[in-house]
C-alpha cells in the first residue's frame, strides 16, 4: 500500500511558475512509475506527465511539453512537477499517482493504482 500526499499548489499569475511535490510512504517507491494528472472543473482527469521507476525516461502531454518538468528522488521517495510559463488553462486540481514498474501505457489513468488527494493550482490571467 502506497500513500501519496501532494503539496505546492496555489494561485499564480499567467507566466509564473510553481513546483508541485508528491511525497510517498509505504510500498517500494523506487519500483513504481509515477505520474501527474489534472482535472479542471467539468472536465475529465487528464494525463500531464510521467517518469519511469529509474527516473531515466519522462513522458509529457503535448499541452505541457516544454513548460513542465517531472523528476523524482527515489531516496526521498518524492516526485516533483516543475511548472513554468503557466497559462490560465493549466488551472486544475493536480494529483500524483503510482503505477507498475512497466505499465502498458503512461497516459492512461487506469494504469495507476495509487492516487493522492490532489492540490489546487489556479492561474490568473
C-alpha atoms as a PDB file:
ATOM      1  CA  UNK A   1       0.000   0.000   0.000  1.00  0.00           C
ATOM      2  CA  UNK A   2       1.327   3.416  -1.010  1.00  0.00           C
ATOM      3  CA  UNK A   3       0.159   6.716   0.395  1.00  0.00           C
ATOM      4  CA  UNK A   4       0.700   9.856  -1.676  1.00  0.00           C
ATOM      5  CA  UNK A   5       0.471  13.441  -0.466  1.00  0.00           C
ATOM      6  CA  UNK A   6       0.753  16.402  -2.815  1.00  0.00           C
ATOM      7  CA  UNK A   7       1.775  19.939  -1.913  1.00  0.00           C
ATOM      8  CA  UNK A   8       2.905  23.127  -3.585  1.00  0.00           C
ATOM      9  CA  UNK A   9      -0.264  24.250  -5.290  1.00  0.00           C
ATOM     10  CA  UNK A  10      -1.541  27.790  -5.118  1.00  0.00           C
ATOM     11  CA  UNK A  11      -2.515  30.911  -7.013  1.00  0.00           C
ATOM     12  CA  UNK A  12      -0.109  32.304  -9.588  1.00  0.00           C
ATOM     13  CA  UNK A  13      -0.294  34.802 -12.419  1.00  0.00           C
ATOM     14  CA  UNK A  14      -0.030  33.695 -16.029  1.00  0.00           C
ATOM     15  CA  UNK A  15       3.602  33.282 -16.996  1.00  0.00           C
ATOM     16  CA  UNK A  16       4.585  32.342 -13.464  1.00  0.00           C
ATOM     17  CA  UNK A  17       5.930  29.119 -12.013  1.00  0.00           C
ATOM     18  CA  UNK A  18       5.008  26.576  -9.365  1.00  0.00           C
ATOM     19  CA  UNK A  19       6.677  23.422  -8.146  1.00  0.00           C
ATOM     20  CA  UNK A  20       4.462  20.583  -7.013  1.00  0.00           C
ATOM     21  CA  UNK A  21       5.737  17.891  -4.691  1.00  0.00           C
ATOM     22  CA  UNK A  22       4.342  14.426  -4.086  1.00  0.00           C
ATOM     23  CA  UNK A  23       5.638  12.582  -1.035  1.00  0.00           C
ATOM     24  CA  UNK A  24       5.168   8.823  -0.846  1.00  0.00           C
ATOM     25  CA  UNK A  25       5.089   6.474   2.102  1.00  0.00           C
ATOM     26  CA  UNK A  26       4.668   2.710   2.248  1.00  0.00           C
ATOM     27  CA  UNK A  27       5.491   0.351  -0.580  1.00  0.00           C
ATOM     28  CA  UNK A  28       8.729   0.339  -2.530  1.00  0.00           C
ATOM     29  CA  UNK A  29       8.775   3.738  -4.161  1.00  0.00           C
ATOM     30  CA  UNK A  30      11.695   3.016  -6.482  1.00  0.00           C
ATOM     31  CA  UNK A  31       9.720   0.271  -8.267  1.00  0.00           C
ATOM     32  CA  UNK A  32       6.774   2.471  -9.241  1.00  0.00           C
ATOM     33  CA  UNK A  33       6.104   4.517 -12.313  1.00  0.00           C
ATOM     34  CA  UNK A  34       4.982   7.938 -11.082  1.00  0.00           C
ATOM     35  CA  UNK A  35       2.592  10.218 -12.891  1.00  0.00           C
ATOM     36  CA  UNK A  36       0.863  13.560 -12.567  1.00  0.00           C
ATOM     37  CA  UNK A  37      -2.705  14.067 -13.719  1.00  0.00           C
ATOM     38  CA  UNK A  38      -5.006  17.054 -13.526  1.00  0.00           C
ATOM     39  CA  UNK A  39      -8.715  17.689 -13.502  1.00  0.00           C
ATOM     40  CA  UNK A  40     -10.341  21.005 -14.286  1.00  0.00           C
ATOM     41  CA  UNK A  41     -13.947  21.769 -13.306  1.00  0.00           C
ATOM     42  CA  UNK A  42     -16.366  19.995 -15.607  1.00  0.00           C
ATOM     43  CA  UNK A  43     -13.621  18.068 -17.360  1.00  0.00           C
ATOM     44  CA  UNK A  44     -12.238  14.570 -17.116  1.00  0.00           C
ATOM     45  CA  UNK A  45      -8.974  13.824 -15.392  1.00  0.00           C
ATOM     46  CA  UNK A  46      -6.159  14.078 -17.918  1.00  0.00           C
ATOM     47  CA  UNK A  47      -2.575  12.951 -18.117  1.00  0.00           C
ATOM     48  CA  UNK A  48       0.111  15.574 -17.537  1.00  0.00           C
ATOM     49  CA  UNK A  49       3.458  13.799 -17.114  1.00  0.00           C
ATOM     50  CA  UNK A  50       5.066  10.544 -16.015  1.00  0.00           C
ATOM     51  CA  UNK A  51       8.501   9.308 -15.042  1.00  0.00           C
ATOM     52  CA  UNK A  52       9.816   5.759 -15.126  1.00  0.00           C
ATOM     53  CA  UNK A  53      10.857   3.994 -11.933  1.00  0.00           C
ATOM     54  CA  UNK A  54      14.531   4.753 -12.601  1.00  0.00           C
ATOM     55  CA  UNK A  55      13.919   8.376 -13.494  1.00  0.00           C
ATOM     56  CA  UNK A  56      15.642   7.744 -16.791  1.00  0.00           C
ATOM     57  CA  UNK A  57      12.658   8.432 -19.049  1.00  0.00           C
ATOM     58  CA  UNK A  58       9.910  11.006 -18.885  1.00  0.00           C
ATOM     59  CA  UNK A  59       6.660  11.487 -20.781  1.00  0.00           C
ATOM     60  CA  UNK A  60       4.508  14.578 -21.249  1.00  0.00           C
ATOM     61  CA  UNK A  61       1.157  15.611 -22.606  1.00  0.00           C
ATOM     62  CA  UNK A  62       1.527  17.802 -25.674  1.00  0.00           C
ATOM     63  CA  UNK A  63      -0.176  20.653 -23.853  1.00  0.00           C
ATOM     64  CA  UNK A  64       2.623  20.919 -21.268  1.00  0.00           C
ATOM     65  CA  UNK A  65       5.651  19.776 -23.229  1.00  0.00           C
ATOM     66  CA  UNK A  66       8.453  22.318 -22.977  1.00  0.00           C
ATOM     67  CA  UNK A  67       6.857  24.060 -19.979  1.00  0.00           C
ATOM     68  CA  UNK A  68       6.598  21.328 -17.310  1.00  0.00           C
ATOM     69  CA  UNK A  69       9.322  19.052 -15.986  1.00  0.00           C
ATOM     70  CA  UNK A  70       8.767  15.894 -13.977  1.00  0.00           C
ATOM     71  CA  UNK A  71      11.501  14.416 -11.819  1.00  0.00           C
ATOM     72  CA  UNK A  72      11.870  12.041  -8.901  1.00  0.00           C
ATOM     73  CA  UNK A  73      14.152  11.353  -5.964  1.00  0.00           C
ATOM     74  CA  UNK A  74      13.983   7.685  -5.004  1.00  0.00           C
ATOM     75  CA  UNK A  75      15.947   8.272  -1.803  1.00  0.00           C
ATOM     76  CA  UNK A  76      13.476  10.905  -0.598  1.00  0.00           C
ATOM     77  CA  UNK A  77      10.523   8.970  -2.062  1.00  0.00           C
ATOM     78  CA  UNK A  78       9.354  12.121  -3.768  1.00  0.00           C
ATOM     79  CA  UNK A  79       8.248  13.133  -7.235  1.00  0.00           C
ATOM     80  CA  UNK A  80       8.194  16.723  -8.446  1.00  0.00           C
ATOM     81  CA  UNK A  81       6.425  18.673 -11.157  1.00  0.00           C
ATOM     82  CA  UNK A  82       8.099  21.943 -12.081  1.00  0.00           C
ATOM     83  CA  UNK A  83       5.589  24.088 -13.935  1.00  0.00           C
ATOM     84  CA  UNK A  84       6.833  27.135 -15.829  1.00  0.00           C
ATOM     85  CA  UNK A  85       5.151  29.585 -18.193  1.00  0.00           C
ATOM     86  CA  UNK A  86       1.821  28.765 -16.627  1.00  0.00           C
ATOM     87  CA  UNK A  87      -1.371  29.550 -18.504  1.00  0.00           C
ATOM     88  CA  UNK A  88      -4.931  30.039 -17.247  1.00  0.00           C
ATOM     89  CA  UNK A  89      -5.867  26.761 -18.941  1.00  0.00           C
ATOM     90  CA  UNK A  90      -3.474  24.966 -16.583  1.00  0.00           C
ATOM     91  CA  UNK A  91      -5.890  25.692 -13.727  1.00  0.00           C
ATOM     92  CA  UNK A  92      -6.924  22.365 -12.203  1.00  0.00           C
ATOM     93  CA  UNK A  93      -6.533  20.016  -9.273  1.00  0.00           C
ATOM     94  CA  UNK A  94      -3.250  18.183  -9.764  1.00  0.00           C
ATOM     95  CA  UNK A  95      -2.883  14.632  -8.456  1.00  0.00           C
ATOM     96  CA  UNK A  96       0.072  12.331  -8.390  1.00  0.00           C
ATOM     97  CA  UNK A  97      -0.301   8.621  -8.975  1.00  0.00           C
ATOM     98  CA  UNK A  98       1.772   5.468  -8.636  1.00  0.00           C
ATOM     99  CA  UNK A  99       1.654   2.653 -11.154  1.00  0.00           C
ATOM    100  CA  UNK A 100       3.510  -0.533 -12.015  1.00  0.00           C
ATOM    101  CA  UNK A 101       7.157  -0.609 -12.958  1.00  0.00           C
ATOM    102  CA  UNK A 102       6.368  -1.337 -16.607  1.00  0.00           C
ATOM    103  CA  UNK A 103       2.876  -0.027 -17.372  1.00  0.00           C
ATOM    104  CA  UNK A 104       1.224  -0.770 -20.694  1.00  0.00           C
ATOM    105  CA  UNK A 105       0.752   2.938 -21.166  1.00  0.00           C
ATOM    106  CA  UNK A 106       1.864   6.006 -19.236  1.00  0.00           C
ATOM    107  CA  UNK A 107      -1.035   8.225 -20.280  1.00  0.00           C
ATOM    108  CA  UNK A 108      -3.942   6.041 -19.179  1.00  0.00           C
ATOM    109  CA  UNK A 109      -5.137   6.801 -15.657  1.00  0.00           C
ATOM    110  CA  UNK A 110      -6.355   3.205 -15.425  1.00  0.00           C
ATOM    111  CA  UNK A 111      -2.730   2.070 -15.376  1.00  0.00           C
ATOM    112  CA  UNK A 112      -2.143   3.722 -11.999  1.00  0.00           C
ATOM    113  CA  UNK A 113      -3.144   2.044  -8.773  1.00  0.00           C
ATOM    114  CA  UNK A 114      -2.490   4.605  -6.045  1.00  0.00           C
ATOM    115  CA  UNK A 115      -3.601   8.225  -6.013  1.00  0.00           C
ATOM    116  CA  UNK A 116      -3.106  11.265  -3.854  1.00  0.00           C
ATOM    117  CA  UNK A 117      -5.861  13.680  -2.869  1.00  0.00           C
ATOM    118  CA  UNK A 118      -4.602  16.443  -5.097  1.00  0.00           C
ATOM    119  CA  UNK A 119      -3.511  20.065  -4.820  1.00  0.00           C
ATOM    120  CA  UNK A 120      -5.230  23.052  -6.424  1.00  0.00           C
ATOM    121  CA  UNK A 121      -3.394  25.127  -8.996  1.00  0.00           C
ATOM    122  CA  UNK A 122      -5.036  28.361 -10.113  1.00  0.00           C
ATOM    123  CA  UNK A 123      -3.525  30.525 -12.826  1.00  0.00           C
ATOM    124  CA  UNK A 124      -4.941  34.009 -13.194  1.00  0.00           C
ATOM    125  CA  UNK A 125      -4.844  35.945 -16.440  1.00  0.00           C
END
